[in-house]
Amino acid sequence: MILLAQGDGRSLAHVAWIALAGAGLLLVDAGSLGWWGLPTLALLAALALVALFDARYLLIPDGPLLALLLWGVALLPFLEMSAILDRLAAAGAGYAALRGADLVYARLRGHAGLGPADSRLFALAGLWLGLAALPGCLLIACGSALISVLLERRALVDAREPFPFGPHLALGFWMSWCVGPFELGST
């Protein structure tokens, strides 16, 4: 019922619709993907599992993350050395950014704000997308999460209830893969 914005999934309806739009873009552009179509389909499937599982159970399973890791590493030999180093640095930076933010939040609030798999998912986004795409990926994720929070507030949901961030990270990851990194401040 997520797509219909009914029941427990109503605050994630926009995530599902945007992801479907991204899948539609993939289908329209499928001919130009060449052999990159296979890892793109694997990415879509893994991110869909992450988003659906986290939305339902507030937990990201290791299976899709492992698949993303294996695919991401398998793609590295097809890149130039500078791109490989960029992707590896982005994976480390992605993990450190969310893990660091969670540690600060936990110190200030007395409890974790993110699940441990959220940091791993953002690290995998770095491995797949590179350093330049991480800010846009996180911006999409945070914007999407903000929309969900506002929708939940409107529905009078308790603000202390756990909130799945995985679907929003998956959306940012997917949209960044589909459209590439944002170019901020370039002239």
Protein backbone atom coordinates (compact mmCIF):
# COMPACT_ATOMS: atom_id res chain seq x y z
CA MET A 1 0.00 0.00 0.00
CA ILE A 2 3.05 2.26 -0.05
CA LEU A 3 2.39 3.38 -3.65
CA LEU A 4 -1.17 4.32 -2.71
CA ALA A 5 0.06 6.29 0.34
CA GLN A 6 -2.11 4.20 2.66
CA GLY A 7 -1.42 2.41 5.91
CA ASP A 8 1.99 2.23 7.55
CA GLY A 9 3.86 3.09 4.36
CA ARG A 10 2.12 6.38 3.57
CA SER A 11 5.12 8.54 4.48
CA LEU A 12 7.30 6.57 2.04
CA ALA A 13 4.99 6.89 -0.97
CA HIS A 14 7.14 9.59 -2.55
CA VAL A 15 10.21 7.33 -2.23
CA ALA A 16 8.48 4.51 -4.06
CA TRP A 17 7.16 6.78 -6.83
CA ILE A 18 10.52 8.48 -7.41
CA ALA A 19 12.26 5.09 -7.47
CA LEU A 20 9.72 3.86 -10.02
CA ALA A 21 10.39 6.96 -12.09
CA GLY A 22 14.10 6.12 -11.92
CA ALA A 23 13.34 2.59 -13.05
CA GLY A 24 11.33 4.07 -15.92
CA LEU A 25 14.33 6.18 -16.89
CA LEU A 26 16.41 3.02 -16.85
CA LEU A 27 14.01 1.30 -19.23
CA VAL A 28 13.98 4.29 -21.58
CA ASP A 29 17.78 4.42 -21.59
CA ALA A 30 18.34 0.64 -21.54
CA GLY A 31 19.73 0.51 -25.07
CA SER A 32 22.58 2.89 -24.30
CA LEU A 33 23.65 1.09 -21.10
CA GLY A 34 25.36 -1.79 -22.87
CA TRP A 35 26.99 -4.20 -20.44
CA TRP A 36 26.44 -1.65 -17.60
CA GLY A 37 22.79 -2.71 -17.73
CA LEU A 38 23.48 -5.84 -15.70
CA PRO A 39 25.09 -4.11 -12.69
CA THR A 40 22.42 -1.41 -12.93
CA LEU A 41 19.68 -4.03 -12.62
CA ALA A 42 21.55 -5.65 -9.71
CA LEU A 43 21.78 -2.24 -8.05
CA LEU A 44 18.06 -1.61 -8.51
CA ALA A 45 17.15 -5.02 -7.08
CA ALA A 46 19.45 -4.69 -4.06
CA LEU A 47 18.30 -1.14 -3.28
CA ALA A 48 14.66 -2.17 -3.59
CA LEU A 49 15.26 -4.96 -1.06
CA VAL A 50 17.06 -2.57 1.28
CA ALA A 51 14.29 0.02 1.07
CA LEU A 52 11.41 -2.39 1.48
CA PHE A 53 13.01 -4.38 4.29
CA ASP A 54 14.08 -1.29 6.26
CA ALA A 55 10.67 0.35 5.78
CA ARG A 56 8.93 -2.74 7.13
CA TYR A 57 11.33 -4.05 9.80
CA LEU A 58 13.61 -1.05 10.58
CA LEU A 59 16.57 -3.22 9.67
CA ILE A 60 18.76 -3.49 6.59
CA PRO A 61 19.73 -7.11 5.89
CA ASP A 62 23.33 -8.00 5.10
CA GLY A 63 22.48 -9.94 1.90
CA PRO A 64 21.75 -6.97 -0.38
CA LEU A 65 24.69 -5.05 1.10
CA LEU A 66 27.01 -7.96 0.38
CA ALA A 67 25.70 -8.14 -3.19
CA LEU A 68 26.34 -4.40 -3.62
CA LEU A 69 29.85 -4.82 -2.23
CA LEU A 70 30.67 -7.70 -4.57
CA TRP A 71 29.26 -5.90 -7.62
CA GLY A 72 31.03 -2.67 -6.66
CA VAL A 73 34.38 -4.42 -6.30
CA ALA A 74 33.81 -6.37 -9.53
CA LEU A 75 33.33 -3.09 -11.42
CA LEU A 76 36.59 -1.55 -10.21
CA PRO A 77 38.88 -3.24 -12.79
CA PHE A 78 36.88 -1.55 -15.56
CA LEU A 79 37.83 1.90 -14.25
CA GLU A 80 41.01 3.94 -14.52
CA MET A 81 43.33 3.92 -11.50
CA SER A 82 42.35 7.45 -10.46
CA ALA A 83 38.66 6.46 -10.51
CA ILE A 84 39.41 3.33 -8.48
CA LEU A 85 41.19 5.39 -5.83
CA ASP A 86 38.32 7.89 -5.85
CA ARG A 87 35.75 5.13 -5.32
CA LEU A 88 37.75 3.56 -2.48
CA ALA A 89 38.21 6.95 -0.81
CA ALA A 90 34.51 7.66 -1.26
CA ALA A 91 33.59 4.37 0.40
CA GLY A 92 35.71 5.26 3.42
CA ALA A 93 34.42 8.83 3.51
CA GLY A 94 30.81 7.72 3.20
CA TYR A 95 31.12 5.31 6.09
CA ALA A 96 33.03 7.79 8.25
CA ALA A 97 30.55 10.61 7.58
CA LEU A 98 27.43 8.75 8.67
CA ARG A 99 29.12 6.80 11.44
CA GLY A 100 30.63 10.02 12.80
CA ALA A 101 27.28 11.81 12.64
CA ASP A 102 25.65 8.91 14.46
CA LEU A 103 28.31 8.91 17.19
CA VAL A 104 27.84 12.66 17.75
CA TYR A 105 24.06 12.23 17.83
CA ALA A 106 24.33 9.34 20.30
CA ARG A 107 26.60 11.41 22.53
CA LEU A 108 24.17 14.34 22.52
CA ARG A 109 20.89 12.42 22.74
CA GLY A 110 21.89 9.27 24.62
CA HIS A 111 20.82 6.85 21.88
CA ALA A 112 21.77 6.05 18.30
CA GLY A 113 20.15 8.01 15.51
CA LEU A 114 21.10 5.68 12.65
CA GLY A 115 21.32 1.95 12.33
CA PRO A 116 24.79 0.52 11.67
CA ALA A 117 23.78 -0.61 8.19
CA ASP A 118 22.95 2.96 7.15
CA SER A 119 26.67 3.82 7.34
CA ARG A 120 27.54 0.68 5.38
CA LEU A 121 24.96 1.52 2.70
CA PHE A 122 26.39 5.03 2.32
CA ALA A 123 29.90 3.54 2.08
CA LEU A 124 28.64 1.32 -0.74
CA ALA A 125 27.17 4.38 -2.43
CA GLY A 126 30.69 5.82 -2.36
CA LEU A 127 32.12 2.64 -3.85
CA TRP A 128 29.62 2.69 -6.71
CA LEU A 129 29.32 6.44 -7.30
CA GLY A 130 32.61 8.07 -6.31
CA LEU A 131 33.34 11.03 -4.07
CA ALA A 132 31.72 13.70 -6.28
CA ALA A 133 28.30 12.01 -6.07
CA LEU A 134 28.15 11.52 -2.30
CA PRO A 135 26.93 15.03 -1.39
CA GLY A 136 24.07 14.82 -3.90
CA CYS A 137 23.21 11.31 -2.75
CA LEU A 138 23.00 12.47 0.86
CA LEU A 139 21.08 15.62 -0.12
CA ILE A 140 18.43 13.53 -1.89
CA ALA A 141 18.26 11.14 1.08
CA CYS A 142 17.89 13.94 3.64
CA GLY A 143 15.35 15.83 1.54
CA SER A 144 13.31 12.68 1.08
CA ALA A 145 13.53 11.87 4.80
CA LEU A 146 12.38 15.39 5.65
CA ILE A 147 9.33 14.96 3.43
CA SER A 148 8.54 11.68 5.20
CA VAL A 149 8.93 13.28 8.63
CA LEU A 150 6.60 16.12 7.65
CA LEU A 151 4.02 13.64 6.33
CA GLU A 152 4.24 11.59 9.52
CA ARG A 153 3.87 14.70 11.66
CA ARG A 154 0.76 15.59 9.70
CA ALA A 155 -0.55 12.10 10.44
CA LEU A 156 0.16 12.68 14.16
CA VAL A 157 2.80 9.95 14.40
CA ASP A 158 4.92 10.10 17.57
CA ALA A 159 8.23 11.82 16.76
CA ARG A 160 10.08 9.41 19.07
CA GLU A 161 9.14 6.41 16.96
CA PRO A 162 12.03 4.82 15.03
CA PHE A 163 12.33 6.12 11.49
CA PRO A 164 13.80 4.10 8.60
CA PHE A 165 16.52 6.09 6.83
CA GLY A 166 17.53 3.20 4.54
CA PRO A 167 14.77 3.83 1.96
CA HIS A 168 15.90 7.43 1.65
CA LEU A 169 19.57 6.50 1.31
CA ALA A 170 18.58 3.90 -1.29
CA LEU A 171 16.65 6.57 -3.19
CA GLY A 172 19.60 8.98 -3.11
CA PHE A 173 21.94 6.17 -4.21
CA TRP A 174 19.64 5.16 -7.09
CA MET A 175 18.95 8.68 -8.33
CA SER A 176 22.65 9.55 -8.17
CA TRP A 177 23.43 6.42 -10.19
CA CYS A 178 20.74 7.31 -12.76
CA VAL A 179 21.54 11.00 -13.24
CA GLY A 180 25.13 11.32 -12.00
CA PRO A 181 26.61 13.69 -9.44
CA PHE A 182 25.23 17.17 -8.88
CA GLU A 183 27.44 19.93 -10.22
CA LEU A 184 27.24 22.69 -7.63
CA GLY A 185 28.93 26.00 -8.21
CA SER A 186 30.37 25.18 -11.63
CA THR A 187 30.22 27.84 -14.31
